Amino acid sequence: MTQRRMENIAKFHVERFATTASQLKRVLMRRAERAARIHGGDRSEFAAWAEAIVVRMVRTGVVNDARYAADRTASLRRLGKSPGKIRNLLRAKGVDRKLIDDVLADTAVTVTGDDAALEAALAYARRRRLGPFGEQSEDADMKRKKATKDLSALARAGFSYDIAKRIVSAASVEEI
């Protein structure tokens, strides 16, 4: 492993994937550990190189945690992920807690003025065929069982009880 090789690894990783500074450092250290295990070398020197490369990429704007968090949050909301799930996914990538709070607050309301968590829950319910998006039964017992299952699915997905209840109790999509 050379410093030039580590720079190339970082450059190719950033070209291929959207990443955070801590995630890039993890990738570089994982590659450096493998090289040290196979070929030998000074792990502390590799760590210093990785840190310098990450700092340089952050300083030049190639790696931007705020941009990553905003883009990833918008994408996850469109997929129907709850704010709690989004928070956990961003934390796993090494995004700062304050930055996560700011991004979630900024995206809490959609462009049209609707609640983003409700929109995400609707996307999730539509994809999983929950509530009014699923089969409707005339039998009262079957309706109750389906409502319980749908509420459970929305709760496991991380949506609040109020949002889940609103979706499950609606007889049609227009009522939501």
N, C-alpha and C. Protein backbone atom coordinates (compact mmCIF):
# COMPACT_ATOMS: atom_id res chain seq x y z
N MET A 1 0.85 -1.18 0.00
CA MET A 1 0.00 0.00 0.00
C MET A 1 0.89 1.23 0.00
N THR A 2 0.62 2.11 -0.92
CA THR A 2 1.32 3.38 -0.97
C THR A 2 0.28 4.49 -0.80
N GLN A 3 0.80 5.68 -0.57
CA GLN A 3 -0.11 6.82 -0.40
C GLN A 3 -0.85 7.08 -1.71
N ARG A 4 -0.17 6.96 -2.82
CA ARG A 4 -0.80 7.17 -4.13
C ARG A 4 -1.92 6.15 -4.37
N ARG A 5 -1.65 4.91 -3.99
CA ARG A 5 -2.65 3.85 -4.15
C ARG A 5 -3.89 4.16 -3.29
N MET A 6 -3.68 4.63 -2.08
CA MET A 6 -4.80 4.97 -1.20
C MET A 6 -5.59 6.15 -1.77
N GLU A 7 -4.90 7.11 -2.35
CA GLU A 7 -5.60 8.24 -2.98
C GLU A 7 -6.45 7.77 -4.15
N ASN A 8 -5.92 6.84 -4.93
CA ASN A 8 -6.69 6.29 -6.05
C ASN A 8 -7.92 5.52 -5.56
N ILE A 9 -7.76 4.76 -4.50
CA ILE A 9 -8.88 4.03 -3.93
C ILE A 9 -9.96 5.02 -3.50
N ALA A 10 -9.56 6.09 -2.84
CA ALA A 10 -10.52 7.11 -2.38
C ALA A 10 -11.20 7.77 -3.57
N LYS A 11 -10.43 8.11 -4.58
CA LYS A 11 -10.99 8.79 -5.75
C LYS A 11 -12.01 7.89 -6.46
N PHE A 12 -11.66 6.65 -6.66
CA PHE A 12 -12.58 5.74 -7.34
C PHE A 12 -13.83 5.47 -6.50
N HIS A 13 -13.67 5.39 -5.19
CA HIS A 13 -14.83 5.17 -4.32
C HIS A 13 -15.79 6.36 -4.38
N VAL A 14 -15.25 7.57 -4.34
CA VAL A 14 -16.08 8.78 -4.38
C VAL A 14 -16.75 8.94 -5.74
N GLU A 15 -16.07 8.52 -6.81
CA GLU A 15 -16.68 8.59 -8.14
C GLU A 15 -17.86 7.63 -8.26
N ARG A 16 -17.77 6.52 -7.58
CA ARG A 16 -18.79 5.49 -7.74
C ARG A 16 -19.93 5.62 -6.74
N PHE A 17 -19.64 6.04 -5.52
CA PHE A 17 -20.64 6.06 -4.46
C PHE A 17 -20.74 7.44 -3.81
N ALA A 18 -21.96 7.80 -3.42
CA ALA A 18 -22.13 8.96 -2.54
C ALA A 18 -21.68 8.50 -1.16
N THR A 19 -20.90 9.31 -0.49
CA THR A 19 -20.32 8.86 0.77
C THR A 19 -20.13 10.01 1.73
N THR A 20 -19.96 9.66 3.00
CA THR A 20 -19.64 10.64 4.03
C THR A 20 -18.16 10.54 4.35
N ALA A 21 -17.66 11.50 5.09
CA ALA A 21 -16.25 11.50 5.45
C ALA A 21 -15.89 10.28 6.30
N SER A 22 -16.72 9.95 7.27
CA SER A 22 -16.41 8.80 8.12
C SER A 22 -16.52 7.49 7.36
N GLN A 23 -17.47 7.40 6.43
CA GLN A 23 -17.60 6.18 5.63
C GLN A 23 -16.40 6.02 4.71
N LEU A 24 -15.93 7.10 4.12
CA LEU A 24 -14.74 7.04 3.26
C LEU A 24 -13.52 6.60 4.07
N LYS A 25 -13.40 7.13 5.27
CA LYS A 25 -12.27 6.74 6.11
C LYS A 25 -12.36 5.26 6.46
N ARG A 26 -13.56 4.77 6.74
CA ARG A 26 -13.73 3.34 7.04
C ARG A 26 -13.33 2.47 5.85
N VAL A 27 -13.71 2.90 4.64
CA VAL A 27 -13.35 2.15 3.44
C VAL A 27 -11.83 2.12 3.28
N LEU A 28 -11.20 3.28 3.43
CA LEU A 28 -9.74 3.35 3.28
C LEU A 28 -9.04 2.51 4.34
N MET A 29 -9.51 2.55 5.57
CA MET A 29 -8.87 1.78 6.64
C MET A 29 -9.09 0.28 6.45
N ARG A 30 -10.24 -0.09 5.94
CA ARG A 30 -10.49 -1.51 5.67
C ARG A 30 -9.53 -2.02 4.59
N ARG A 31 -9.33 -1.22 3.55
CA ARG A 31 -8.39 -1.61 2.49
C ARG A 31 -6.96 -1.61 3.01
N ALA A 32 -6.62 -0.64 3.87
CA ALA A 32 -5.27 -0.58 4.43
C ALA A 32 -5.02 -1.77 5.35
N GLU A 33 -6.00 -2.15 6.14
CA GLU A 33 -5.86 -3.31 7.02
C GLU A 33 -5.63 -4.58 6.22
N ARG A 34 -6.35 -4.72 5.15
CA ARG A 34 -6.17 -5.91 4.31
C ARG A 34 -4.78 -5.91 3.69
N ALA A 35 -4.31 -4.76 3.23
CA ALA A 35 -2.97 -4.67 2.65
C ALA A 35 -1.91 -4.95 3.70
N ALA A 36 -2.11 -4.45 4.90
CA ALA A 36 -1.14 -4.68 5.98
C ALA A 36 -1.12 -6.15 6.37
N ARG A 37 -2.26 -6.78 6.38
CA ARG A 37 -2.34 -8.19 6.72
C ARG A 37 -1.63 -9.06 5.68
N ILE A 38 -1.79 -8.71 4.41
CA ILE A 38 -1.23 -9.53 3.34
C ILE A 38 0.22 -9.16 3.05
N HIS A 39 0.51 -7.87 2.92
CA HIS A 39 1.83 -7.42 2.48
C HIS A 39 2.68 -6.82 3.59
N GLY A 40 2.07 -6.56 4.73
CA GLY A 40 2.79 -5.89 5.80
C GLY A 40 2.74 -4.39 5.63
N GLY A 41 3.26 -3.67 6.58
CA GLY A 41 3.26 -2.22 6.52
C GLY A 41 2.89 -1.63 7.86
N ASP A 42 3.06 -0.34 7.96
CA ASP A 42 2.82 0.37 9.20
C ASP A 42 1.37 0.87 9.23
N ARG A 43 0.57 0.30 10.11
CA ARG A 43 -0.85 0.65 10.19
C ARG A 43 -1.05 2.11 10.60
N SER A 44 -0.20 2.62 11.46
CA SER A 44 -0.34 4.02 11.88
C SER A 44 -0.05 4.97 10.71
N GLU A 45 0.88 4.60 9.86
CA GLU A 45 1.16 5.41 8.67
C GLU A 45 -0.04 5.39 7.73
N PHE A 46 -0.64 4.21 7.57
CA PHE A 46 -1.84 4.09 6.73
C PHE A 46 -2.97 4.95 7.27
N ALA A 47 -3.15 4.96 8.60
CA ALA A 47 -4.21 5.75 9.22
C ALA A 47 -3.97 7.24 9.00
N ALA A 48 -2.72 7.67 9.07
CA ALA A 48 -2.39 9.08 8.83
C ALA A 48 -2.68 9.46 7.39
N TRP A 49 -2.34 8.58 6.46
CA TRP A 49 -2.64 8.85 5.05
C TRP A 49 -4.15 8.96 4.82
N ALA A 50 -4.89 8.03 5.39
CA ALA A 50 -6.34 8.03 5.22
C ALA A 50 -6.95 9.31 5.77
N GLU A 51 -6.50 9.71 6.95
CA GLU A 51 -7.01 10.95 7.55
C GLU A 51 -6.72 12.15 6.67
N ALA A 52 -5.51 12.24 6.16
CA ALA A 52 -5.12 13.37 5.30
C ALA A 52 -5.94 13.38 4.02
N ILE A 53 -6.16 12.23 3.43
CA ILE A 53 -6.94 12.16 2.20
C ILE A 53 -8.38 12.60 2.45
N VAL A 54 -8.97 12.13 3.53
CA VAL A 54 -10.36 12.49 3.85
C VAL A 54 -10.47 13.99 4.12
N VAL A 55 -9.53 14.54 4.88
CA VAL A 55 -9.55 15.98 5.18
C VAL A 55 -9.44 16.79 3.89
N ARG A 56 -8.57 16.37 3.00
CA ARG A 56 -8.40 17.09 1.73
C ARG A 56 -9.68 17.01 0.89
N MET A 57 -10.31 15.85 0.85
CA MET A 57 -11.53 15.71 0.05
C MET A 57 -12.70 16.50 0.65
N VAL A 58 -12.75 16.59 1.97
CA VAL A 58 -13.79 17.40 2.61
C VAL A 58 -13.53 18.88 2.34
N ARG A 59 -12.26 19.30 2.45
CA ARG A 59 -11.90 20.70 2.24
C ARG A 59 -12.20 21.15 0.80
N THR A 60 -11.97 20.27 -0.17
CA THR A 60 -12.23 20.63 -1.57
C THR A 60 -13.70 20.48 -1.95
N GLY A 61 -14.51 19.87 -1.09
CA GLY A 61 -15.93 19.74 -1.35
C GLY A 61 -16.31 18.48 -2.09
N VAL A 62 -15.36 17.61 -2.34
CA VAL A 62 -15.68 16.35 -3.01
C VAL A 62 -16.55 15.49 -2.11
N VAL A 63 -16.25 15.49 -0.83
CA VAL A 63 -17.06 14.78 0.17
C VAL A 63 -17.74 15.83 1.02
N ASN A 64 -19.08 15.77 1.07
CA ASN A 64 -19.85 16.77 1.80
C ASN A 64 -20.95 16.04 2.56
N ASP A 65 -20.81 15.96 3.87
CA ASP A 65 -21.78 15.23 4.69
C ASP A 65 -23.17 15.86 4.63
N ALA A 66 -23.25 17.18 4.57
CA ALA A 66 -24.56 17.85 4.54
C ALA A 66 -25.29 17.53 3.23
N ARG A 67 -24.57 17.56 2.13
CA ARG A 67 -25.18 17.23 0.84
C ARG A 67 -25.62 15.76 0.82
N TYR A 68 -24.77 14.88 1.34
CA TYR A 68 -25.11 13.46 1.41
C TYR A 68 -26.37 13.25 2.24
N ALA A 69 -26.43 13.89 3.41
CA ALA A 69 -27.58 13.71 4.31
C ALA A 69 -28.86 14.22 3.65
N ALA A 70 -28.80 15.36 2.99
CA ALA A 70 -29.99 15.91 2.35
C ALA A 70 -30.46 15.02 1.20
N ASP A 71 -29.54 14.58 0.37
CA ASP A 71 -29.90 13.72 -0.76
C ASP A 71 -30.43 12.37 -0.30
N ARG A 72 -29.77 11.79 0.67
CA ARG A 72 -30.18 10.48 1.17
C ARG A 72 -31.53 10.56 1.88
N THR A 73 -31.76 11.64 2.61
CA THR A 73 -33.04 11.82 3.30
C THR A 73 -34.17 11.94 2.29
N ALA A 74 -33.96 12.73 1.24
CA ALA A 74 -34.99 12.88 0.22
C ALA A 74 -35.29 11.54 -0.44
N SER A 75 -34.27 10.79 -0.73
CA SER A 75 -34.44 9.48 -1.36
C SER A 75 -35.18 8.51 -0.44
N LEU A 76 -34.80 8.49 0.82
CA LEU A 76 -35.44 7.58 1.77
C LEU A 76 -36.89 7.96 2.03
N ARG A 77 -37.19 9.24 2.04
CA ARG A 77 -38.58 9.68 2.22
C ARG A 77 -39.43 9.21 1.04
N ARG A 78 -38.88 9.31 -0.18
CA ARG A 78 -39.62 8.84 -1.35
C ARG A 78 -39.87 7.34 -1.29
N LEU A 79 -38.94 6.60 -0.67
CA LEU A 79 -39.10 5.15 -0.53
C LEU A 79 -40.08 4.78 0.59
N GLY A 80 -40.50 5.75 1.37
CA GLY A 80 -41.47 5.48 2.43
C GLY A 80 -40.83 5.13 3.75
N LYS A 81 -39.63 5.64 4.01
CA LYS A 81 -38.95 5.37 5.29
C LYS A 81 -39.39 6.40 6.31
N SER A 82 -39.53 5.96 7.54
CA SER A 82 -39.94 6.85 8.62
C SER A 82 -38.76 7.71 9.07
N PRO A 83 -39.04 8.82 9.76
CA PRO A 83 -37.94 9.66 10.26
C PRO A 83 -36.98 8.89 11.17
N GLY A 84 -37.48 7.98 11.96
CA GLY A 84 -36.62 7.18 12.83
C GLY A 84 -35.68 6.29 12.04
N LYS A 85 -36.19 5.65 11.00
CA LYS A 85 -35.35 4.80 10.14
C LYS A 85 -34.31 5.64 9.42
N ILE A 86 -34.72 6.81 8.95
CA ILE A 86 -33.77 7.69 8.26
C ILE A 86 -32.65 8.11 9.21
N ARG A 87 -33.03 8.46 10.42
CA ARG A 87 -32.04 8.85 11.43
C ARG A 87 -31.03 7.72 11.66
N ASN A 88 -31.52 6.50 11.81
CA ASN A 88 -30.62 5.36 12.05
C ASN A 88 -29.72 5.07 10.87
N LEU A 89 -30.25 5.16 9.65
CA LEU A 89 -29.43 4.91 8.47
C LEU A 89 -28.34 5.96 8.31
N LEU A 90 -28.67 7.21 8.58
CA LEU A 90 -27.66 8.27 8.48
C LEU A 90 -26.60 8.15 9.57
N ARG A 91 -27.03 7.78 10.78
CA ARG A 91 -26.06 7.57 11.88
C ARG A 91 -25.09 6.45 11.53
N ALA A 92 -25.60 5.41 10.89
CA ALA A 92 -24.74 4.28 10.51
C ALA A 92 -23.68 4.71 9.51
N LYS A 93 -23.97 5.71 8.72
CA LYS A 93 -23.00 6.22 7.74
C LYS A 93 -22.07 7.26 8.34
N GLY A 94 -22.28 7.62 9.61
CA GLY A 94 -21.37 8.53 10.29
C GLY A 94 -21.74 10.00 10.20
N VAL A 95 -22.99 10.29 9.88
CA VAL A 95 -23.43 11.69 9.82
C VAL A 95 -23.66 12.18 11.24
N ASP A 96 -23.26 13.41 11.51
CA ASP A 96 -23.38 14.02 12.83
C ASP A 96 -24.85 14.15 13.24
N ARG A 97 -25.13 13.96 14.53
CA ARG A 97 -26.51 14.01 15.04
C ARG A 97 -27.17 15.37 14.77
N LYS A 98 -26.46 16.44 14.98
CA LYS A 98 -27.04 17.77 14.76
C LYS A 98 -27.40 17.96 13.29
N LEU A 99 -26.53 17.49 12.41
CA LEU A 99 -26.80 17.58 10.98
C LEU A 99 -28.03 16.76 10.61
N ILE A 100 -28.18 15.59 11.20
CA ILE A 100 -29.36 14.75 10.95
C ILE A 100 -30.63 15.47 11.41
N ASP A 101 -30.58 16.05 12.61
CA ASP A 101 -31.74 16.79 13.12
C ASP A 101 -32.11 17.94 12.20
N ASP A 102 -31.10 18.68 11.73
CA ASP A 102 -31.36 19.81 10.84
C ASP A 102 -31.98 19.35 9.52
N VAL A 103 -31.45 18.28 8.94
CA VAL A 103 -31.96 17.79 7.66
C VAL A 103 -33.39 17.27 7.83
N LEU A 104 -33.66 16.53 8.90
CA LEU A 104 -35.02 16.03 9.12
C LEU A 104 -36.00 17.18 9.35
N ALA A 105 -35.55 18.21 10.05
CA ALA A 105 -36.42 19.37 10.26
C ALA A 105 -36.67 20.11 8.95
N ASP A 106 -35.62 20.23 8.13
CA ASP A 106 -35.77 20.92 6.84
C ASP A 106 -36.69 20.17 5.89
N THR A 107 -36.72 18.86 5.98
CA THR A 107 -37.53 18.06 5.06
C THR A 107 -38.81 17.55 5.70
N ALA A 108 -39.20 18.10 6.84
CA ALA A 108 -40.41 17.63 7.53
C ALA A 108 -41.68 18.00 6.78
N VAL A 109 -41.60 19.02 5.94
CA VAL A 109 -42.75 19.45 5.16
C VAL A 109 -42.36 19.37 3.69
N THR A 110 -43.26 18.80 2.88
CA THR A 110 -42.97 18.66 1.45
C THR A 110 -43.12 20.01 0.75
N VAL A 111 -42.78 20.03 -0.51
CA VAL A 111 -42.87 21.25 -1.32
C VAL A 111 -44.31 21.73 -1.40
N THR A 112 -45.25 20.81 -1.40
CA THR A 112 -46.66 21.17 -1.48
C THR A 112 -47.26 21.55 -0.14
N GLY A 113 -46.46 21.46 0.94
CA GLY A 113 -46.92 21.84 2.26
C GLY A 113 -47.48 20.70 3.09
N ASP A 114 -47.39 19.48 2.57
CA ASP A 114 -47.90 18.31 3.30
C ASP A 114 -46.86 17.80 4.28
N ASP A 115 -47.31 17.00 5.22
CA ASP A 115 -46.43 16.37 6.20
C ASP A 115 -45.61 15.28 5.50
N ALA A 116 -44.29 15.39 5.56
CA ALA A 116 -43.42 14.44 4.87
C ALA A 116 -43.51 13.04 5.47
N ALA A 117 -43.71 12.94 6.79
CA ALA A 117 -43.84 11.63 7.42
C ALA A 117 -45.11 10.93 6.94
N LEU A 118 -46.19 11.69 6.77
CA LEU A 118 -47.43 11.11 6.26
C LEU A 118 -47.25 10.66 4.81
N GLU A 119 -46.58 11.48 4.01
CA GLU A 119 -46.32 11.11 2.62
C GLU A 119 -45.47 9.85 2.53
N ALA A 120 -44.47 9.74 3.40
CA ALA A 120 -43.63 8.54 3.42
C ALA A 120 -44.45 7.32 3.85
N ALA A 121 -45.32 7.51 4.84
CA ALA A 121 -46.17 6.41 5.29
C ALA A 121 -47.13 5.97 4.20
N LEU A 122 -47.64 6.92 3.44
CA LEU A 122 -48.51 6.58 2.31
C LEU A 122 -47.75 5.80 1.24
N ALA A 123 -46.54 6.22 0.97
CA ALA A 123 -45.71 5.49 -0.01
C ALA A 123 -45.45 4.07 0.47
N TYR A 124 -45.16 3.93 1.77
CA TYR A 124 -44.93 2.61 2.35
C TYR A 124 -46.20 1.76 2.29
N ALA A 125 -47.33 2.35 2.66
CA ALA A 125 -48.60 1.63 2.64
C ALA A 125 -48.99 1.22 1.23
N ARG A 126 -48.75 2.07 0.27
CA ARG A 126 -49.07 1.76 -1.13
C ARG A 126 -48.21 0.58 -1.60
N ARG A 127 -46.93 0.62 -1.27
CA ARG A 127 -46.01 -0.44 -1.71
C ARG A 127 -46.34 -1.77 -1.04
N ARG A 128 -46.72 -1.73 0.23
CA ARG A 128 -47.02 -2.96 0.98
C ARG A 128 -48.51 -3.33 0.93
N ARG A 129 -49.32 -2.51 0.27
CA ARG A 129 -50.76 -2.74 0.15
C ARG A 129 -51.45 -2.79 1.51
N LEU A 130 -51.19 -1.77 2.29
CA LEU A 130 -51.78 -1.65 3.62
C LEU A 130 -52.94 -0.67 3.58
N GLY A 131 -53.84 -0.79 4.54
CA GLY A 131 -54.96 0.15 4.65
C GLY A 131 -55.82 0.15 3.40
N PRO A 132 -56.14 1.32 2.88
CA PRO A 132 -57.03 1.40 1.72
C PRO A 132 -56.38 0.91 0.43
N PHE A 133 -55.08 0.67 0.44
CA PHE A 133 -54.38 0.20 -0.76
C PHE A 133 -54.46 -1.32 -0.91
N GLY A 134 -54.90 -2.01 0.13
CA GLY A 134 -54.99 -3.46 0.09
C GLY A 134 -56.39 -3.94 -0.21
N GLU A 135 -56.57 -5.25 -0.09
CA GLU A 135 -57.88 -5.84 -0.32
C GLU A 135 -58.85 -5.40 0.78
N GLN A 136 -60.07 -5.09 0.38
CA GLN A 136 -61.09 -4.69 1.34
C GLN A 136 -62.06 -5.85 1.52
N SER A 137 -62.34 -6.19 2.76
CA SER A 137 -63.24 -7.29 3.07
C SER A 137 -64.54 -6.73 3.64
N GLU A 138 -65.59 -7.48 3.44
CA GLU A 138 -66.90 -7.08 3.98
C GLU A 138 -67.10 -7.63 5.40
N ASP A 139 -66.37 -8.68 5.73
CA ASP A 139 -66.49 -9.32 7.04
C ASP A 139 -65.85 -8.43 8.11
N ALA A 140 -66.58 -8.14 9.18
CA ALA A 140 -66.10 -7.25 10.24
C ALA A 140 -64.88 -7.83 10.96
N ASP A 141 -64.89 -9.15 11.19
CA ASP A 141 -63.76 -9.79 11.87
C ASP A 141 -62.50 -9.72 11.01
N MET A 142 -62.66 -9.94 9.72
CA MET A 142 -61.50 -9.86 8.81
C MET A 142 -60.98 -8.42 8.72
N LYS A 143 -61.87 -7.44 8.73
CA LYS A 143 -61.46 -6.04 8.70
C LYS A 143 -60.62 -5.70 9.94
N ARG A 144 -61.09 -6.18 11.10
CA ARG A 144 -60.37 -5.91 12.34
C ARG A 144 -58.99 -6.56 12.34
N LYS A 145 -58.90 -7.80 11.88
CA LYS A 145 -57.61 -8.50 11.81
C LYS A 145 -56.66 -7.80 10.85
N LYS A 146 -57.18 -7.38 9.69
CA LYS A 146 -56.34 -6.69 8.71
C LYS A 146 -55.86 -5.35 9.26
N ALA A 147 -56.75 -4.64 9.95
CA ALA A 147 -56.37 -3.36 10.53
C ALA A 147 -55.27 -3.54 11.57
N THR A 148 -55.36 -4.57 12.38
CA THR A 148 -54.33 -4.85 13.39
C THR A 148 -53.00 -5.17 12.74
N LYS A 149 -53.04 -6.00 11.70
CA LYS A 149 -51.81 -6.36 10.99
C LYS A 149 -51.20 -5.13 10.31
N ASP A 150 -52.03 -4.30 9.71
CA ASP A 150 -51.54 -3.10 9.03
C ASP A 150 -50.94 -2.11 10.02
N LEU A 151 -51.60 -1.93 11.17
CA LEU A 151 -51.05 -1.06 12.21
C LEU A 151 -49.69 -1.56 12.68
N SER A 152 -49.58 -2.87 12.86
CA SER A 152 -48.32 -3.47 13.29
C SER A 152 -47.22 -3.25 12.26
N ALA A 153 -47.55 -3.41 10.99
CA ALA A 153 -46.57 -3.23 9.93
C ALA A 153 -46.08 -1.78 9.89
N LEU A 154 -46.99 -0.84 10.03
CA LEU A 154 -46.60 0.58 10.02
C LEU A 154 -45.79 0.93 11.26
N ALA A 155 -46.13 0.35 12.39
CA ALA A 155 -45.37 0.60 13.62
C ALA A 155 -43.95 0.04 13.50
N ARG A 156 -43.81 -1.16 12.95
CA ARG A 156 -42.48 -1.74 12.76
C ARG A 156 -41.64 -0.92 11.78
N ALA A 157 -42.32 -0.26 10.85
CA ALA A 157 -41.62 0.59 9.90
C ALA A 157 -41.19 1.91 10.53
N GLY A 158 -41.67 2.18 11.75
CA GLY A 158 -41.22 3.36 12.48
C GLY A 158 -42.13 4.56 12.42
N PHE A 159 -43.35 4.39 11.94
CA PHE A 159 -44.28 5.51 11.85
C PHE A 159 -45.05 5.65 13.16
N SER A 160 -45.46 6.88 13.45
CA SER A 160 -46.18 7.14 14.69
C SER A 160 -47.56 6.48 14.65
N TYR A 161 -48.12 6.29 15.84
CA TYR A 161 -49.44 5.67 15.96
C TYR A 161 -50.50 6.52 15.25
N ASP A 162 -50.40 7.84 15.40
CA ASP A 162 -51.40 8.73 14.78
C ASP A 162 -51.42 8.58 13.26
N ILE A 163 -50.25 8.56 12.66
CA ILE A 163 -50.16 8.42 11.20
C ILE A 163 -50.66 7.04 10.78
N ALA A 164 -50.23 6.01 11.50
CA ALA A 164 -50.64 4.64 11.16
C ALA A 164 -52.15 4.49 11.28
N LYS A 165 -52.71 5.01 12.36
CA LYS A 165 -54.16 4.91 12.57
C LYS A 165 -54.92 5.66 11.49
N ARG A 166 -54.41 6.80 11.09
CA ARG A 166 -55.04 7.60 10.05
C ARG A 166 -55.10 6.84 8.72
N ILE A 167 -54.01 6.14 8.39
CA ILE A 167 -53.97 5.40 7.13
C ILE A 167 -54.85 4.16 7.20
N VAL A 168 -54.75 3.42 8.28
CA VAL A 168 -55.49 2.15 8.40
C VAL A 168 -56.99 2.39 8.50
N SER A 169 -57.41 3.44 9.17
CA SER A 169 -58.84 3.67 9.36
C SER A 169 -59.52 4.29 8.14
N ALA A 170 -58.76 4.75 7.17
CA ALA A 170 -59.36 5.37 5.98
C ALA A 170 -59.99 4.30 5.09
N ALA A 171 -61.20 4.58 4.63
CA ALA A 171 -61.88 3.64 3.76
C ALA A 171 -61.40 3.75 2.33
N SER A 172 -60.92 4.95 1.97
CA SER A 172 -60.36 5.14 0.63
C SER A 172 -59.17 6.08 0.71
N VAL A 173 -58.43 6.17 -0.36
CA VAL A 173 -57.22 6.99 -0.40
C VAL A 173 -57.56 8.47 -0.23
N GLU A 174 -58.70 8.88 -0.74
CA GLU A 174 -59.10 10.28 -0.66
C GLU A 174 -59.35 10.74 0.77
N GLU A 175 -59.72 9.82 1.65
CA GLU A 175 -60.03 10.18 3.04
C GLU A 175 -58.79 10.49 3.86
N ILE A 176 -57.66 10.09 3.40
CA ILE A 176 -56.42 10.31 4.14
C ILE A 176 -56.04 11.74 3.95
